[in-house]
Protein backbone atom coordinates (compact mmCIF):
# COMPACT_ATOMS: atom_id res chain seq x y z
CA MET A 1 134.10 22.04 90.86
CA ILE A 2 136.18 25.09 91.82
CA PRO A 3 135.87 28.29 89.95
CA ASP A 4 138.80 29.13 87.76
CA LEU A 5 141.01 32.17 88.68
CA SER A 6 139.68 34.12 85.68
CA VAL A 7 136.25 34.08 87.10
CA LEU A 8 137.52 35.68 90.22
CA TRP A 9 139.28 38.20 88.18
CA VAL A 10 135.97 38.98 86.36
CA ILE A 11 134.12 39.18 89.46
CA ALA A 12 136.68 41.59 91.06
CA LEU A 13 136.74 43.66 88.03
CA LEU A 14 132.98 43.72 87.88
CA MET A 15 132.86 44.90 91.50
CA LEU A 16 135.42 47.37 90.86
CA CYS A 17 133.38 48.68 87.95
CA VAL A 18 130.36 48.91 89.92
CA PHE A 19 132.11 50.81 92.66
CA VAL A 20 133.52 53.28 90.20
CA LEU A 21 130.45 53.79 88.21
CA ASN A 22 128.33 54.14 91.34
CA THR A 23 130.76 56.63 92.82
CA LEU A 24 131.79 58.55 89.85
CA ILE A 25 128.39 58.69 87.79
CA PHE A 26 125.26 57.35 89.42
CA LYS A 27 125.54 59.02 92.74
CA PRO A 28 126.16 62.50 91.37
CA ILE A 29 123.39 62.03 88.81
CA LEU A 30 121.07 60.96 91.52
CA HIS A 31 122.11 63.85 93.71
CA VAL A 32 121.42 66.32 90.70
CA ILE A 33 118.10 64.74 90.07
CA GLU A 34 117.14 64.97 93.83
CA SER A 35 118.40 68.58 93.97
CA ARG A 36 116.37 69.41 90.85
CA SER A 37 113.39 67.69 92.39
CA GLY A 38 113.68 69.56 95.67
CA ALA A 39 114.15 72.87 93.72
CA VAL A 40 110.96 72.14 91.77
CA ARG A 41 109.22 71.22 94.95
CA ASP A 42 110.22 74.38 96.80
CA ALA A 43 109.43 76.52 93.56
CA ARG A 44 105.80 74.91 93.73
CA GLU A 45 105.50 75.59 97.33
CA LEU A 46 106.77 79.23 96.80
CA ALA A 47 104.26 79.74 93.97
CA ALA A 48 101.49 78.38 96.07
CA SER A 49 102.46 80.63 98.88
CA ALA A 50 102.57 83.55 96.49
CA ALA A 51 98.97 82.80 95.11
CA GLN A 52 97.59 82.37 98.51
CA LYS A 53 99.14 85.71 99.61
CA ALA A 54 97.77 87.24 96.38
CA ALA A 55 94.42 85.90 96.97
CA GLN A 56 94.41 87.26 100.42
CA ALA A 57 95.64 90.74 99.15
CA THR A 58 92.72 90.58 96.56
CA GLU A 59 90.25 89.83 99.30
CA GLN A 60 91.60 92.65 101.50
CA PHE A 61 91.80 95.09 98.62
CA ASP A 62 88.04 94.17 97.63
CA ARG A 63 86.97 94.68 101.45
CA THR A 64 88.89 97.88 101.56
CA LEU A 65 87.28 99.01 98.17
CA GLY A 66 83.73 97.98 99.28
CA ALA A 67 84.27 99.94 102.67
CA ALA A 68 85.55 102.97 100.68
CA ARG A 69 82.55 102.69 98.30
CA ALA A 70 80.12 102.55 101.11
CA GLU A 71 81.79 105.53 102.94
CA VAL A 72 81.57 107.49 99.58
CA TYR A 73 77.95 106.51 99.13
CA LYS A 74 77.19 107.49 102.67
CA GLN A 75 78.88 110.98 102.14
CA MET A 76 76.92 111.48 98.98
CA ASP A 77 73.79 110.58 100.49
CA ASP A 78 74.44 112.91 103.58
CA ALA A 79 75.35 115.70 101.07
CA ARG A 80 72.02 114.88 99.18
CA ARG A 81 70.15 115.00 102.33
CA THR A 82 71.66 118.19 103.51
CA ALA A 83 71.22 119.71 100.16
CA LEU A 84 67.42 118.70 100.01
CA ASP A 85 67.05 120.13 103.85
CA LYS A 86 68.71 123.49 102.75
CA ARG A 87 66.40 123.52 99.74
CA ALA A 88 63.31 122.78 101.82
CA ALA A 89 64.38 125.47 104.25
CA ILE A 90 65.08 128.04 101.40
CA MET A 91 61.67 127.05 99.85
CA ALA A 92 59.89 127.77 103.22
CA ASP A 93 61.57 131.04 103.71
CA THR A 94 60.78 132.16 100.20
CA LYS A 95 57.21 131.11 100.92
CA ARG A 96 56.95 132.94 104.03
CA GLU A 97 58.34 135.97 102.47
CA ALA A 98 56.09 135.79 99.49
CA ASP A 99 53.10 135.35 101.87
CA ALA A 100 54.20 138.24 103.97
CA ALA A 101 54.70 140.23 100.97
CA LEU A 102 51.24 139.22 99.51
CA SER A 103 49.56 139.92 102.83
CA ASP A 104 51.25 143.32 103.21
CA ALA A 105 50.37 144.29 99.59
CA THR A 106 46.85 142.99 100.20
CA SER A 107 46.44 145.13 103.33
CA ARG A 108 48.04 148.20 101.57
CA LEU A 109 45.73 147.74 98.52
CA GLY A 110 42.78 147.48 100.89
CA SER A 111 43.68 150.70 102.95
CA GLN A 112 44.43 152.45 99.60
CA ALA A 113 41.10 151.34 98.31
CA SER A 114 39.47 152.65 101.58
CA ALA A 115 41.35 155.89 101.29
CA ALA A 116 40.33 156.11 97.44
CA ARG A 117 36.75 155.44 98.28
CA ALA A 118 36.68 157.99 101.09
CA ALA A 119 38.51 160.71 98.75
CA LEU A 120 35.94 159.78 96.14
CA GLU A 121 32.96 160.16 98.35
CA SER A 122 34.38 163.47 99.62
CA GLU A 123 35.05 164.69 96.07
CA ALA A 124 31.58 163.44 94.98
CA ASN A 125 29.87 165.38 97.80
CA HIS A 126 31.96 168.41 96.98
CA LEU A 127 31.03 168.13 93.30
CA ALA A 128 27.35 167.42 94.06
CA GLY A 129 27.38 170.61 96.15
CA GLU A 130 29.02 172.59 93.33
CA ILE A 131 26.42 171.05 90.76
CA VAL A 132 23.60 172.02 92.91
CA ASN A 133 25.06 175.51 93.43
CA ARG A 134 25.34 176.05 89.61
CA VAL A 135 22.17 174.45 88.80
CA LEU A 136 19.96 175.78 91.40
CA GLY A 137 22.17 178.97 91.99
CA ARG A 138 22.00 178.34 95.65
CA THR A 139 23.76 176.20 98.27
CA ALA A 140 22.17 173.10 99.35
């Protein structure tokens, strides 16, 4: 059995249709699909790269912020320590001055008291002599 000529025409037309459809429709569609797939893949890789860079930048920012905070806390602690030392020095100077003033006042008071005693004793002796002169009428 030999195929009829019309069968050969159908096979030839079918082959021509497959070639035309493949060349004009399927290959361009497959090319567009692959291009879009590649673009999506590239976009995902770009997004992953951007996310990784953002995470690194966040880590770097956190480290820098932590270091800056530590430096500020250190400066604040140094300033507090300096202020406490200055306060202690001022308190010590004030205590020394107060002690010196108290010592000076105590010694002045003691010498004034001694001078007053001596003056009172001298005045008492003089008054005693006056009283004796007036009461007895003579000098003692």
